[in-house]
Amino acid sequence: MSAAAIEQPFDDEPFSLTAIADEIMERHPGYRVEIIGGHLLVTPSPDAPHARALTGLMIPFIAAGLHGEETEVLQNVGLWLPTGAEDYAIPDLAIVDADIDDHLVENNAYDPVCFRLVLEVTSSNWKDDLKTKAVAYAQAKVPVYVIVDRKHQRVHVLTDPGGEQYEHHRPYSPGESVTLPRSIGAQVVLDVDQILKAAQKKAT
């Protein structure tokens, strides 16, 4: 999911980005607020195609047995980031270790060691998913990052995090299939056409 940066007013008093994030969510129910690199990213509620794509993506993961005793398939669960004292992200979809409850850090965000895969479906500000979050997830050492890029009609798979980037980045076009690394816990093959079609508005 994409996000828009929020500028912070100058103030001599110390402030908590987490407190500001909580206030924004309280005033705007349904909005998602993340803190990445010390910046607030605020995202409106997703549209129906975005939600439809996520539901469709859960099916092959669950069919492969990834929602069970060893791993779980979760939406919108907080991931604590090493990029700042208050930094966290909320990926659209994640494959996590089943003992994730034992790894809560704070602010409903969990240690990135629990995450085997994170996935984002882009919205209006697609650059955040392709650039900002790619760096953040690489720094958090999340093994696999998948981006459903609705802007350019691609599915990106990033693997092997090292430093501030993933060592391998492969975009997939319509007509191709994506075989995800078995490190996520099972063999999963995604149909790019099917994913991108679900992420588009239905013809009226």
Protein backbone atom coordinates (compact mmCIF):
# COMPACT_ATOMS: atom_id res chain seq x y z
CA MET A 1 0.00 0.00 0.00
CA SER A 2 1.23 3.48 -0.73
CA ALA A 3 1.54 6.43 1.61
CA ALA A 4 1.96 10.20 1.68
CA ALA A 5 4.64 11.92 3.74
CA ILE A 6 3.49 14.30 6.47
CA GLU A 7 5.63 17.33 7.27
CA GLN A 8 6.25 18.00 10.96
CA PRO A 9 5.80 21.56 12.32
CA PHE A 10 8.81 23.06 14.03
CA ASP A 11 8.49 22.97 17.79
CA ASP A 12 11.06 23.53 20.51
CA GLU A 13 9.31 20.95 22.67
CA PRO A 14 10.23 17.29 22.15
CA PHE A 15 7.52 15.30 20.44
CA SER A 16 6.74 11.67 19.85
CA LEU A 17 6.05 10.54 16.30
CA THR A 18 4.20 7.57 17.74
CA ALA A 19 1.86 9.89 19.66
CA ILE A 20 1.25 11.93 16.50
CA ALA A 21 0.58 8.72 14.54
CA ASP A 22 -1.93 7.58 17.15
CA GLU A 23 -3.67 10.95 17.04
CA ILE A 24 -3.95 10.86 13.24
CA MET A 25 -5.49 7.38 13.35
CA GLU A 26 -7.91 8.47 16.05
CA ARG A 27 -9.03 11.49 14.03
CA HIS A 28 -9.15 9.59 10.73
CA PRO A 29 -10.48 6.05 11.30
CA GLY A 30 -9.41 3.65 8.56
CA TYR A 31 -6.20 5.51 7.75
CA ARG A 32 -2.91 3.66 8.11
CA VAL A 33 0.03 5.50 9.66
CA GLU A 34 3.61 4.22 9.51
CA ILE A 35 6.92 5.70 10.64
CA ILE A 36 9.84 5.00 8.32
CA GLY A 37 13.17 6.76 8.55
CA GLY A 38 11.74 9.19 11.08
CA HIS A 39 8.95 10.29 8.70
CA LEU A 40 5.23 9.74 9.05
CA LEU A 41 3.57 8.02 6.10
CA VAL A 42 -0.22 8.28 6.06
CA THR A 43 -2.37 6.12 3.79
CA PRO A 44 -6.12 6.41 3.20
CA SER A 45 -8.34 3.33 3.29
CA PRO A 46 -7.65 0.98 0.36
CA ASP A 47 -10.02 0.74 -2.59
CA ALA A 48 -11.91 -2.45 -3.48
CA PRO A 49 -9.41 -3.68 -6.14
CA HIS A 50 -6.58 -3.34 -3.62
CA ALA A 51 -8.50 -5.43 -1.09
CA ARG A 52 -9.55 -7.91 -3.80
CA ALA A 53 -5.94 -8.45 -4.85
CA LEU A 54 -4.93 -9.17 -1.25
CA THR A 55 -7.72 -11.70 -0.80
CA GLY A 56 -6.71 -13.42 -4.02
CA LEU A 57 -3.07 -13.51 -2.95
CA MET A 58 -3.91 -15.18 0.35
CA ILE A 59 -5.43 -18.17 -1.43
CA PRO A 60 -2.21 -19.72 -2.87
CA PHE A 61 -0.35 -19.08 0.39
CA ILE A 62 -3.04 -20.80 2.45
CA ALA A 63 -3.40 -23.61 -0.11
CA ALA A 64 0.34 -24.26 0.22
CA GLY A 65 -0.12 -24.84 3.95
CA LEU A 66 1.49 -21.59 5.10
CA HIS A 67 -1.33 -20.75 7.50
CA GLY A 68 -0.86 -23.47 10.06
CA GLU A 69 1.34 -24.63 12.92
CA GLU A 70 4.68 -23.27 11.67
CA THR A 71 3.70 -20.10 9.80
CA GLU A 72 0.73 -17.77 9.45
CA VAL A 73 -0.61 -15.58 6.65
CA LEU A 74 -1.52 -12.19 8.14
CA GLN A 75 -2.71 -8.83 6.87
CA ASN A 76 -1.77 -5.44 8.33
CA VAL A 77 0.50 -6.62 11.15
CA GLY A 78 3.13 -4.16 12.40
CA LEU A 79 6.81 -4.78 11.66
CA TRP A 80 9.34 -3.01 13.91
CA LEU A 81 12.11 -1.39 11.85
CA PRO A 82 15.76 -0.82 12.78
CA THR A 83 15.81 2.50 10.89
CA GLY A 84 14.78 4.67 13.86
CA ALA A 85 13.73 4.59 17.50
CA GLU A 86 10.02 4.79 16.63
CA ASP A 87 10.07 3.28 13.13
CA TYR A 88 7.61 0.63 12.08
CA ALA A 89 5.81 -0.43 8.91
CA ILE A 90 2.50 -2.20 8.35
CA PRO A 91 2.82 -4.41 5.25
CA ASP A 92 -0.40 -5.29 3.44
CA LEU A 93 0.34 -9.00 3.75
CA ALA A 94 2.99 -11.06 5.51
CA ILE A 95 4.12 -14.64 6.03
CA VAL A 96 5.27 -14.86 9.64
CA ASP A 97 6.48 -17.49 12.08
CA ALA A 98 3.63 -18.93 14.12
CA ASP A 99 5.27 -17.83 17.39
CA ILE A 100 5.01 -14.16 16.39
CA ASP A 101 3.04 -13.39 19.58
CA ASP A 102 6.24 -14.03 21.54
CA HIS A 103 8.10 -11.32 19.61
CA LEU A 104 6.06 -8.18 20.24
CA VAL A 105 8.35 -5.14 20.51
CA GLU A 106 5.91 -2.29 21.17
CA ASN A 107 3.16 -0.24 19.55
CA ASN A 108 1.64 -3.45 18.10
CA ALA A 109 4.78 -4.03 16.02
CA TYR A 110 6.80 -7.25 15.99
CA ASP A 111 10.47 -8.16 15.63
CA PRO A 112 11.36 -8.49 11.93
CA VAL A 113 13.03 -11.84 12.67
CA CYS A 114 9.50 -13.32 12.60
CA PHE A 115 8.80 -12.22 9.03
CA ARG A 116 9.57 -14.56 6.12
CA LEU A 117 7.84 -12.46 3.44
CA VAL A 118 6.17 -9.07 3.22
CA LEU A 119 3.93 -7.94 0.37
CA GLU A 120 2.61 -4.54 -0.68
CA VAL A 121 -0.05 -3.65 -3.25
CA THR A 122 0.63 -0.15 -4.56
CA SER A 123 -1.83 2.72 -4.54
CA SER A 124 -1.44 6.37 -5.58
CA ASN A 125 2.04 6.98 -4.13
CA TRP A 126 3.67 3.86 -5.55
CA LYS A 127 7.21 5.19 -5.08
CA ASP A 128 7.02 4.53 -1.34
CA ASP A 129 6.52 0.81 -1.93
CA LEU A 130 9.14 0.59 -4.68
CA LYS A 131 11.81 2.69 -2.98
CA THR A 132 11.25 3.75 0.65
CA LYS A 133 9.90 0.43 1.87
CA ALA A 134 12.35 -1.59 -0.21
CA VAL A 135 15.19 0.05 1.73
CA ALA A 136 13.42 -0.31 5.09
CA TYR A 137 12.58 -3.99 4.60
CA ALA A 138 16.11 -4.72 3.38
CA GLN A 139 17.56 -3.06 6.48
CA ALA A 140 15.17 -5.15 8.59
CA LYS A 141 16.52 -8.24 6.78
CA VAL A 142 13.09 -9.48 5.68
CA PRO A 143 14.06 -12.34 3.32
CA VAL A 144 11.44 -11.76 0.60
CA TYR A 145 9.61 -8.59 -0.45
CA VAL A 146 6.86 -8.79 -3.08
CA ILE A 147 5.32 -5.70 -4.68
CA VAL A 148 2.15 -5.76 -6.76
CA ASP A 149 2.88 -2.68 -8.86
CA ARG A 150 -0.47 -1.46 -10.18
CA LYS A 151 1.11 1.66 -11.69
CA HIS A 152 3.39 -0.23 -14.09
CA GLN A 153 1.51 -3.55 -14.22
CA ARG A 154 4.35 -5.61 -12.79
CA VAL A 155 4.95 -7.91 -9.87
CA HIS A 156 8.35 -7.36 -8.27
CA VAL A 157 10.15 -9.96 -6.17
CA LEU A 158 13.10 -8.78 -4.06
CA THR A 159 15.30 -11.28 -2.24
CA ASP A 160 18.59 -11.54 -0.35
CA PRO A 161 18.62 -8.37 1.76
CA GLY A 162 22.02 -6.81 2.28
CA GLY A 163 22.61 -3.40 3.84
CA GLU A 164 20.17 -0.88 2.39
CA GLN A 165 19.01 -2.92 -0.59
CA TYR A 166 18.04 -6.34 -1.81
CA GLU A 167 20.72 -8.10 -3.81
CA HIS A 168 18.21 -9.55 -6.27
CA HIS A 169 15.25 -7.68 -7.77
CA ARG A 170 13.21 -9.35 -10.50
CA PRO A 171 10.16 -7.69 -12.09
CA TYR A 172 7.59 -10.04 -13.65
CA SER A 173 5.30 -9.01 -16.52
CA PRO A 174 1.80 -10.16 -17.45
CA GLY A 175 1.94 -13.67 -18.92
CA GLU A 176 4.66 -14.79 -16.52
CA SER A 177 4.45 -16.81 -13.32
CA VAL A 178 6.36 -16.14 -10.11
CA THR A 179 7.94 -18.98 -8.15
CA LEU A 180 8.70 -17.68 -4.68
CA PRO A 181 11.72 -18.89 -2.66
CA ARG A 182 11.02 -22.02 -0.64
CA SER A 183 12.47 -20.20 2.38
CA ILE A 184 8.99 -18.82 3.03
CA GLY A 185 8.02 -22.34 4.13
CA ALA A 186 6.51 -23.91 1.00
CA GLN A 187 6.60 -23.74 -2.77
CA VAL A 188 4.23 -21.05 -4.01
CA VAL A 189 3.66 -20.05 -7.63
CA LEU A 190 1.79 -16.83 -8.41
CA ASP A 191 0.07 -16.03 -11.70
CA VAL A 192 0.94 -12.43 -12.65
CA ASP A 193 -2.07 -12.00 -14.95
CA GLN A 194 -4.44 -13.17 -12.25
CA ILE A 195 -2.93 -10.90 -9.61
CA LEU A 196 -2.91 -7.78 -11.77
CA LYS A 197 -6.44 -8.41 -13.07
CA ALA A 198 -7.74 -8.66 -9.48
CA ALA A 199 -6.00 -5.38 -8.64
CA GLN A 200 -7.80 -3.47 -11.39
CA LYS A 201 -11.19 -1.79 -11.21
CA LYS A 202 -13.94 -3.89 -12.69
CA ALA A 203 -15.41 -2.62 -15.94
CA THR A 204 -18.82 -1.00 -15.56
